[in-house]
């Protein structure tokens, strides 16, 4: 986590515009992608996936939402992508049962990630999969499919990343867990019908930030 100096203009009590220095907190997001950038289609045509482009766009959108909704449009938080490498495994740990045909077992991925050459300057690790992912849910005492999975600490996994829509909304949810927030009631904003960002279930439409979510970011910024 780093701080960078940004200029911000505000009005003092005397109504004279004063220039202060606002320190922007930069979060380094270390990204592993587990599927190649190039693949062969049915017609054997080589196709390139713009993985890095989609990640950068996702971080820009998430960053914009945080700064607009929490910090009044000031550039207080910066999400910086750090593309570590293509993570290839001959066989990822898979899980299947009567309800799950096939999915990467996220619980077994985390120890594998620990064996990678982790960088000291990374705040959050994001592992991207082309497949479905599953994890053990303590509340239901069974394995469940998930679009995104957060591990205690600073690790996140995302499934079917290149096919996902509005991935920045899922990232904002997982960042809430990173800020030690739990799932909340899936309440709708009565005016916009947007859904609570910390809702456990995925709903179509946009998300809104609750008071507790905004406070978590402000507290984080103050600590930073």
C-alpha atoms as a PDB file:
ATOM      1  CA  UNK A   1       0.000   0.000   0.000  1.00  0.00           C
ATOM      2  CA  UNK A   2       1.436   3.354  -1.009  1.00  0.00           C
ATOM      3  CA  UNK A   3       0.474   6.994  -0.764  1.00  0.00           C
ATOM      4  CA  UNK A   4       0.751   9.484  -3.590  1.00  0.00           C
ATOM      5  CA  UNK A   5       0.321  13.241  -3.363  1.00  0.00           C
ATOM      6  CA  UNK A   6      -2.693  14.731  -5.126  1.00  0.00           C
ATOM      7  CA  UNK A   7      -3.919  18.319  -5.181  1.00  0.00           C
ATOM      8  CA  UNK A   8      -7.387  19.060  -3.862  1.00  0.00           C
ATOM      9  CA  UNK A   9      -9.127  22.425  -3.660  1.00  0.00           C
ATOM     10  CA  UNK A  10     -11.611  23.211  -0.928  1.00  0.00           C
ATOM     11  CA  UNK A  11     -13.136  26.344   0.566  1.00  0.00           C
ATOM     12  CA  UNK A  12     -11.966  27.459   3.977  1.00  0.00           C
ATOM     13  CA  UNK A  13     -14.322  28.954   6.523  1.00  0.00           C
ATOM     14  CA  UNK A  14     -13.429  32.398   5.184  1.00  0.00           C
ATOM     15  CA  UNK A  15     -14.695  31.318   1.716  1.00  0.00           C
ATOM     16  CA  UNK A  16     -11.184  31.737   0.339  1.00  0.00           C
ATOM     17  CA  UNK A  17     -10.124  28.808  -1.817  1.00  0.00           C
ATOM     18  CA  UNK A  18      -7.177  27.034  -0.251  1.00  0.00           C
ATOM     19  CA  UNK A  19      -5.025  24.337  -1.833  1.00  0.00           C
ATOM     20  CA  UNK A  20      -4.394  21.351   0.391  1.00  0.00           C
ATOM     21  CA  UNK A  21      -2.551  18.140  -0.270  1.00  0.00           C
ATOM     22  CA  UNK A  22      -4.684  15.013  -0.336  1.00  0.00           C
ATOM     23  CA  UNK A  23      -2.726  11.799  -0.006  1.00  0.00           C
ATOM     24  CA  UNK A  24      -4.086   9.097  -2.304  1.00  0.00           C
ATOM     25  CA  UNK A  25      -3.826   5.562  -0.948  1.00  0.00           C
ATOM     26  CA  UNK A  26      -2.745   3.120  -3.649  1.00  0.00           C
ATOM     27  CA  UNK A  27      -3.710  -0.553  -3.413  1.00  0.00           C
ATOM     28  CA  UNK A  28      -1.617  -2.950  -5.466  1.00  0.00           C
ATOM     29  CA  UNK A  29      -3.763  -5.773  -6.882  1.00  0.00           C
ATOM     30  CA  UNK A  30      -1.591  -8.729  -7.850  1.00  0.00           C
ATOM     31  CA  UNK A  31      -3.251 -10.603 -10.710  1.00  0.00           C
ATOM     32  CA  UNK A  32      -2.721 -14.237 -11.722  1.00  0.00           C
ATOM     33  CA  UNK A  33      -4.618 -15.490 -14.773  1.00  0.00           C
ATOM     34  CA  UNK A  34      -4.858 -19.276 -15.064  1.00  0.00           C
ATOM     35  CA  UNK A  35      -5.949 -19.481 -18.692  1.00  0.00           C
ATOM     36  CA  UNK A  36      -3.811 -18.477 -21.701  1.00  0.00           C
ATOM     37  CA  UNK A  37      -4.231 -15.195 -23.516  1.00  0.00           C
ATOM     38  CA  UNK A  38      -4.403 -17.103 -26.796  1.00  0.00           C
ATOM     39  CA  UNK A  39      -6.491 -20.143 -27.580  1.00  0.00           C
ATOM     40  CA  UNK A  40      -7.747 -22.069 -30.601  1.00  0.00           C
ATOM     41  CA  UNK A  41     -11.383 -21.853 -31.561  1.00  0.00           C
ATOM     42  CA  UNK A  42     -13.308 -24.718 -33.143  1.00  0.00           C
ATOM     43  CA  UNK A  43     -12.073 -23.564 -36.535  1.00  0.00           C
ATOM     44  CA  UNK A  44      -8.474 -23.666 -35.229  1.00  0.00           C
ATOM     45  CA  UNK A  45      -8.242 -19.908 -35.502  1.00  0.00           C
ATOM     46  CA  UNK A  46      -5.928 -18.319 -32.944  1.00  0.00           C
ATOM     47  CA  UNK A  47      -7.931 -15.932 -30.784  1.00  0.00           C
ATOM     48  CA  UNK A  48      -6.448 -13.408 -28.352  1.00  0.00           C
ATOM     49  CA  UNK A  49      -8.248 -12.602 -25.115  1.00  0.00           C
ATOM     50  CA  UNK A  50      -7.675  -9.097 -23.762  1.00  0.00           C
ATOM     51  CA  UNK A  51      -7.369 -10.267 -20.162  1.00  0.00           C
ATOM     52  CA  UNK A  52      -5.259  -7.349 -18.980  1.00  0.00           C
ATOM     53  CA  UNK A  53      -7.539  -4.837 -20.675  1.00  0.00           C
ATOM     54  CA  UNK A  54     -10.589  -6.224 -18.895  1.00  0.00           C
ATOM     55  CA  UNK A  55      -8.792  -6.228 -15.539  1.00  0.00           C
ATOM     56  CA  UNK A  56      -7.666  -2.617 -15.968  1.00  0.00           C
ATOM     57  CA  UNK A  57     -11.173  -1.527 -16.914  1.00  0.00           C
ATOM     58  CA  UNK A  58     -12.621  -3.395 -13.902  1.00  0.00           C
ATOM     59  CA  UNK A  59     -10.230  -1.641 -11.524  1.00  0.00           C
ATOM     60  CA  UNK A  60     -10.913   1.765 -13.078  1.00  0.00           C
ATOM     61  CA  UNK A  61     -14.671   1.303 -12.649  1.00  0.00           C
ATOM     62  CA  UNK A  62     -14.330   0.086  -9.039  1.00  0.00           C
ATOM     63  CA  UNK A  63     -11.955   2.918  -8.185  1.00  0.00           C
ATOM     64  CA  UNK A  64     -14.331   5.479  -9.684  1.00  0.00           C
ATOM     65  CA  UNK A  65     -17.271   4.139  -7.654  1.00  0.00           C
ATOM     66  CA  UNK A  66     -15.286   4.284  -4.398  1.00  0.00           C
ATOM     67  CA  UNK A  67     -13.979   7.794  -4.966  1.00  0.00           C
ATOM     68  CA  UNK A  68     -17.332   9.165  -6.140  1.00  0.00           C
ATOM     69  CA  UNK A  69     -19.554   7.556  -3.508  1.00  0.00           C
ATOM     70  CA  UNK A  70     -17.202   7.736  -0.533  1.00  0.00           C
ATOM     71  CA  UNK A  71     -14.813  10.636  -1.122  1.00  0.00           C
ATOM     72  CA  UNK A  72     -16.914  13.113  -3.089  1.00  0.00           C
ATOM     73  CA  UNK A  73     -15.064  12.599  -6.349  1.00  0.00           C
ATOM     74  CA  UNK A  74     -11.575  13.118  -4.894  1.00  0.00           C
ATOM     75  CA  UNK A  75      -8.903  10.651  -5.999  1.00  0.00           C
ATOM     76  CA  UNK A  76      -8.433   9.207  -2.511  1.00  0.00           C
ATOM     77  CA  UNK A  77      -8.140   5.519  -3.495  1.00  0.00           C
ATOM     78  CA  UNK A  78      -6.155   4.131  -6.422  1.00  0.00           C
ATOM     79  CA  UNK A  79      -6.402   0.477  -7.497  1.00  0.00           C
ATOM     80  CA  UNK A  80      -3.195  -0.447  -9.269  1.00  0.00           C
ATOM     81  CA  UNK A  81      -3.000  -3.710 -11.277  1.00  0.00           C
ATOM     82  CA  UNK A  82       0.213  -5.704 -10.953  1.00  0.00           C
ATOM     83  CA  UNK A  83       0.175  -8.498 -13.535  1.00  0.00           C
ATOM     84  CA  UNK A  84       2.401 -11.137 -12.028  1.00  0.00           C
ATOM     85  CA  UNK A  85       2.284 -13.974 -14.548  1.00  0.00           C
ATOM     86  CA  UNK A  86       0.257 -16.612 -16.323  1.00  0.00           C
ATOM     87  CA  UNK A  87      -0.183 -19.337 -13.708  1.00  0.00           C
ATOM     88  CA  UNK A  88      -0.191 -22.697 -15.443  1.00  0.00           C
ATOM     89  CA  UNK A  89      -0.986 -25.987 -13.703  1.00  0.00           C
ATOM     90  CA  UNK A  90      -1.279 -29.316 -15.510  1.00  0.00           C
ATOM     91  CA  UNK A  91      -4.240 -30.173 -13.289  1.00  0.00           C
ATOM     92  CA  UNK A  92      -6.087 -27.771 -11.048  1.00  0.00           C
ATOM     93  CA  UNK A  93      -7.803 -29.297  -7.974  1.00  0.00           C
ATOM     94  CA  UNK A  94     -11.340 -30.019  -9.146  1.00  0.00           C
ATOM     95  CA  UNK A  95     -14.522 -30.809  -7.241  1.00  0.00           C
ATOM     96  CA  UNK A  96     -17.763 -32.472  -8.306  1.00  0.00           C
ATOM     97  CA  UNK A  97     -20.868 -33.926  -6.670  1.00  0.00           C
ATOM     98  CA  UNK A  98     -24.505 -34.514  -7.576  1.00  0.00           C
ATOM     99  CA  UNK A  99     -25.141 -30.762  -7.661  1.00  0.00           C
ATOM    100  CA  UNK A 100     -21.819 -29.546  -9.071  1.00  0.00           C
ATOM    101  CA  UNK A 101     -20.698 -31.129 -12.315  1.00  0.00           C
ATOM    102  CA  UNK A 102     -17.167 -29.730 -12.241  1.00  0.00           C
ATOM    103  CA  UNK A 103     -15.497 -26.760 -10.568  1.00  0.00           C
ATOM    104  CA  UNK A 104     -12.089 -25.649  -9.339  1.00  0.00           C
ATOM    105  CA  UNK A 105     -11.830 -26.238  -5.586  1.00  0.00           C
ATOM    106  CA  UNK A 106     -10.907 -22.772  -4.308  1.00  0.00           C
ATOM    107  CA  UNK A 107     -10.112 -24.089  -0.821  1.00  0.00           C
ATOM    108  CA  UNK A 108      -7.250 -26.104  -2.294  1.00  0.00           C
ATOM    109  CA  UNK A 109      -6.045 -23.245  -4.485  1.00  0.00           C
ATOM    110  CA  UNK A 110      -5.091 -20.990  -1.555  1.00  0.00           C
ATOM    111  CA  UNK A 111      -2.247 -23.254  -0.275  1.00  0.00           C
ATOM    112  CA  UNK A 112      -0.979 -23.475  -3.860  1.00  0.00           C
ATOM    113  CA  UNK A 113      -0.935 -19.682  -4.035  1.00  0.00           C
ATOM    114  CA  UNK A 114       1.142 -19.529  -0.861  1.00  0.00           C
ATOM    115  CA  UNK A 115       3.803 -21.585  -2.635  1.00  0.00           C
ATOM    116  CA  UNK A 116       4.089 -19.026  -5.421  1.00  0.00           C
ATOM    117  CA  UNK A 117       6.711 -16.291  -5.285  1.00  0.00           C
ATOM    118  CA  UNK A 118       4.526 -13.766  -3.491  1.00  0.00           C
ATOM    119  CA  UNK A 119       5.602 -10.145  -3.747  1.00  0.00           C
ATOM    120  CA  UNK A 120       5.861  -7.992  -0.643  1.00  0.00           C
ATOM    121  CA  UNK A 121       4.270  -4.941  -2.252  1.00  0.00           C
ATOM    122  CA  UNK A 122       0.994  -6.708  -3.136  1.00  0.00           C
ATOM    123  CA  UNK A 123      -2.010  -5.796  -0.991  1.00  0.00           C
ATOM    124  CA  UNK A 124      -4.585  -8.149  -2.543  1.00  0.00           C
ATOM    125  CA  UNK A 125      -4.124 -11.217  -4.751  1.00  0.00           C
ATOM    126  CA  UNK A 126      -6.691 -11.877  -7.480  1.00  0.00           C
ATOM    127  CA  UNK A 127      -6.693 -15.267  -9.243  1.00  0.00           C
ATOM    128  CA  UNK A 128      -8.737 -15.456 -12.456  1.00  0.00           C
ATOM    129  CA  UNK A 129     -10.236 -18.722 -13.699  1.00  0.00           C
ATOM    130  CA  UNK A 130     -12.014 -19.658 -16.914  1.00  0.00           C
ATOM    131  CA  UNK A 131     -13.831 -22.475 -15.073  1.00  0.00           C
ATOM    132  CA  UNK A 132     -16.479 -22.499 -12.367  1.00  0.00           C
ATOM    133  CA  UNK A 133     -15.134 -22.339  -8.813  1.00  0.00           C
ATOM    134  CA  UNK A 134     -16.506 -23.906  -5.627  1.00  0.00           C
ATOM    135  CA  UNK A 135     -15.787 -23.452  -1.929  1.00  0.00           C
ATOM    136  CA  UNK A 136     -16.864 -24.988   1.375  1.00  0.00           C
ATOM    137  CA  UNK A 137     -19.646 -22.937   2.946  1.00  0.00           C
ATOM    138  CA  UNK A 138     -19.578 -23.221   6.747  1.00  0.00           C
ATOM    139  CA  UNK A 139     -23.188 -22.116   7.226  1.00  0.00           C
ATOM    140  CA  UNK A 140     -24.655 -24.791   4.938  1.00  0.00           C
ATOM    141  CA  UNK A 141     -21.875 -27.318   5.657  1.00  0.00           C
ATOM    142  CA  UNK A 142     -21.427 -28.127   1.972  1.00  0.00           C
ATOM    143  CA  UNK A 143     -19.555 -27.123  -1.154  1.00  0.00           C
ATOM    144  CA  UNK A 144     -21.156 -24.307  -3.150  1.00  0.00           C
ATOM    145  CA  UNK A 145     -20.535 -22.676  -6.502  1.00  0.00           C
ATOM    146  CA  UNK A 146     -19.525 -19.028  -6.476  1.00  0.00           C
ATOM    147  CA  UNK A 147     -18.738 -16.394  -9.047  1.00  0.00           C
ATOM    148  CA  UNK A 148     -16.167 -14.872  -6.704  1.00  0.00           C
ATOM    149  CA  UNK A 149     -14.590 -16.285  -3.523  1.00  0.00           C
ATOM    150  CA  UNK A 150     -12.767 -14.384  -0.768  1.00  0.00           C
ATOM    151  CA  UNK A 151     -10.233 -16.136   1.463  1.00  0.00           C
ATOM    152  CA  UNK A 152      -9.325 -14.905   4.910  1.00  0.00           C
ATOM    153  CA  UNK A 153      -6.531 -12.417   4.515  1.00  0.00           C
ATOM    154  CA  UNK A 154      -6.028 -10.949   1.077  1.00  0.00           C
ATOM    155  CA  UNK A 155      -6.874 -13.560  -1.551  1.00  0.00           C
ATOM    156  CA  UNK A 156      -9.729 -13.479  -4.071  1.00  0.00           C
ATOM    157  CA  UNK A 157     -10.667 -15.868  -6.897  1.00  0.00           C
ATOM    158  CA  UNK A 158     -13.008 -15.115  -9.803  1.00  0.00           C
ATOM    159  CA  UNK A 159     -14.674 -17.687 -12.073  1.00  0.00           C
ATOM    160  CA  UNK A 160     -15.421 -17.422 -15.802  1.00  0.00           C
ATOM    161  CA  UNK A 161     -13.754 -14.038 -15.765  1.00  0.00           C
ATOM    162  CA  UNK A 162     -13.790 -13.258 -19.486  1.00  0.00           C
ATOM    163  CA  UNK A 163     -17.526 -14.033 -19.650  1.00  0.00           C
ATOM    164  CA  UNK A 164     -18.430 -12.024 -16.541  1.00  0.00           C
ATOM    165  CA  UNK A 165     -20.502  -8.852 -16.790  1.00  0.00           C
ATOM    166  CA  UNK A 166     -19.929  -5.853 -14.513  1.00  0.00           C
ATOM    167  CA  UNK A 167     -17.011  -7.579 -12.713  1.00  0.00           C
ATOM    168  CA  UNK A 168     -16.188  -4.353 -10.852  1.00  0.00           C
ATOM    169  CA  UNK A 169     -19.375  -4.800  -8.817  1.00  0.00           C
ATOM    170  CA  UNK A 170     -18.231  -8.241  -7.663  1.00  0.00           C
ATOM    171  CA  UNK A 171     -14.790  -6.829  -6.881  1.00  0.00           C
ATOM    172  CA  UNK A 172     -16.340  -4.070  -4.747  1.00  0.00           C
ATOM    173  CA  UNK A 173     -18.203  -6.762  -2.776  1.00  0.00           C
ATOM    174  CA  UNK A 174     -14.998  -8.728  -2.137  1.00  0.00           C
ATOM    175  CA  UNK A 175     -13.145  -5.548  -1.175  1.00  0.00           C
ATOM    176  CA  UNK A 176     -15.834  -5.120   1.470  1.00  0.00           C
ATOM    177  CA  UNK A 177     -14.845  -8.496   2.929  1.00  0.00           C
ATOM    178  CA  UNK A 178     -11.200  -7.382   2.774  1.00  0.00           C
ATOM    179  CA  UNK A 179     -12.280  -4.397   4.890  1.00  0.00           C
ATOM    180  CA  UNK A 180     -13.740  -6.904   7.421  1.00  0.00           C
ATOM    181  CA  UNK A 181     -17.387  -6.424   6.442  1.00  0.00           C
ATOM    182  CA  UNK A 182     -19.812  -9.351   6.521  1.00  0.00           C
ATOM    183  CA  UNK A 183     -22.819 -10.035   4.313  1.00  0.00           C
ATOM    184  CA  UNK A 184     -25.801  -7.761   4.904  1.00  0.00           C
ATOM    185  CA  UNK A 185     -29.501  -7.871   4.085  1.00  0.00           C
ATOM    186  CA  UNK A 186     -30.236  -7.706   0.373  1.00  0.00           C
ATOM    187  CA  UNK A 187     -32.141  -4.441   0.642  1.00  0.00           C
ATOM    188  CA  UNK A 188     -33.092  -2.390  -2.395  1.00  0.00           C
ATOM    189  CA  UNK A 189     -32.758   1.369  -2.581  1.00  0.00           C
ATOM    190  CA  UNK A 190     -36.418   2.507  -2.813  1.00  0.00           C
ATOM    191  CA  UNK A 191     -35.639   5.196  -5.391  1.00  0.00           C
ATOM    192  CA  UNK A 192     -33.039   3.623  -7.661  1.00  0.00           C
ATOM    193  CA  UNK A 193     -33.799  -0.072  -6.903  1.00  0.00           C
ATOM    194  CA  UNK A 194     -30.042  -0.631  -6.673  1.00  0.00           C
ATOM    195  CA  UNK A 195     -28.912  -3.517  -4.441  1.00  0.00           C
ATOM    196  CA  UNK A 196     -26.793  -3.360  -1.277  1.00  0.00           C
ATOM    197  CA  UNK A 197     -23.110  -3.890  -2.213  1.00  0.00           C
ATOM    198  CA  UNK A 198     -22.666  -6.439   0.610  1.00  0.00           C
ATOM    199  CA  UNK A 199     -25.663  -8.553  -0.413  1.00  0.00           C
ATOM    200  CA  UNK A 200     -24.641 -12.226  -0.520  1.00  0.00           C
ATOM    201  CA  UNK A 201     -26.636 -13.052  -3.640  1.00  0.00           C
ATOM    202  CA  UNK A 202     -25.954 -11.702  -7.108  1.00  0.00           C
ATOM    203  CA  UNK A 203     -28.743  -9.611  -8.578  1.00  0.00           C
ATOM    204  CA  UNK A 204     -29.000  -7.851 -11.937  1.00  0.00           C
ATOM    205  CA  UNK A 205     -28.610  -4.108 -11.879  1.00  0.00           C
ATOM    206  CA  UNK A 206     -26.294  -1.780 -10.018  1.00  0.00           C
ATOM    207  CA  UNK A 207     -25.104  -1.748  -6.415  1.00  0.00           C
ATOM    208  CA  UNK A 208     -25.173   1.017  -3.839  1.00  0.00           C
ATOM    209  CA  UNK A 209     -22.858   1.678  -0.904  1.00  0.00           C
ATOM    210  CA  UNK A 210     -24.308   1.431   2.598  1.00  0.00           C
ATOM    211  CA  UNK A 211     -23.262   3.699   5.458  1.00  0.00           C
ATOM    212  CA  UNK A 212     -21.157   0.888   6.953  1.00  0.00           C
ATOM    213  CA  UNK A 213     -19.406   0.277   3.612  1.00  0.00           C
ATOM    214  CA  UNK A 214     -18.554   3.967   3.226  1.00  0.00           C
ATOM    215  CA  UNK A 215     -17.332   4.145   6.812  1.00  0.00           C
ATOM    216  CA  UNK A 216     -15.068   1.135   6.253  1.00  0.00           C
ATOM    217  CA  UNK A 217     -13.370   2.912   3.349  1.00  0.00           C
ATOM    218  CA  UNK A 218     -13.041   6.187   5.277  1.00  0.00           C
ATOM    219  CA  UNK A 219     -11.548   4.357   8.256  1.00  0.00           C
ATOM    220  CA  UNK A 220      -9.165   2.532   5.935  1.00  0.00           C
ATOM    221  CA  UNK A 221      -8.102   5.817   4.347  1.00  0.00           C
ATOM    222  CA  UNK A 222      -7.473   7.391   7.751  1.00  0.00           C
ATOM    223  CA  UNK A 223      -5.340   4.420   8.798  1.00  0.00           C
ATOM    224  CA  UNK A 224      -3.444   4.518   5.511  1.00  0.00           C
END
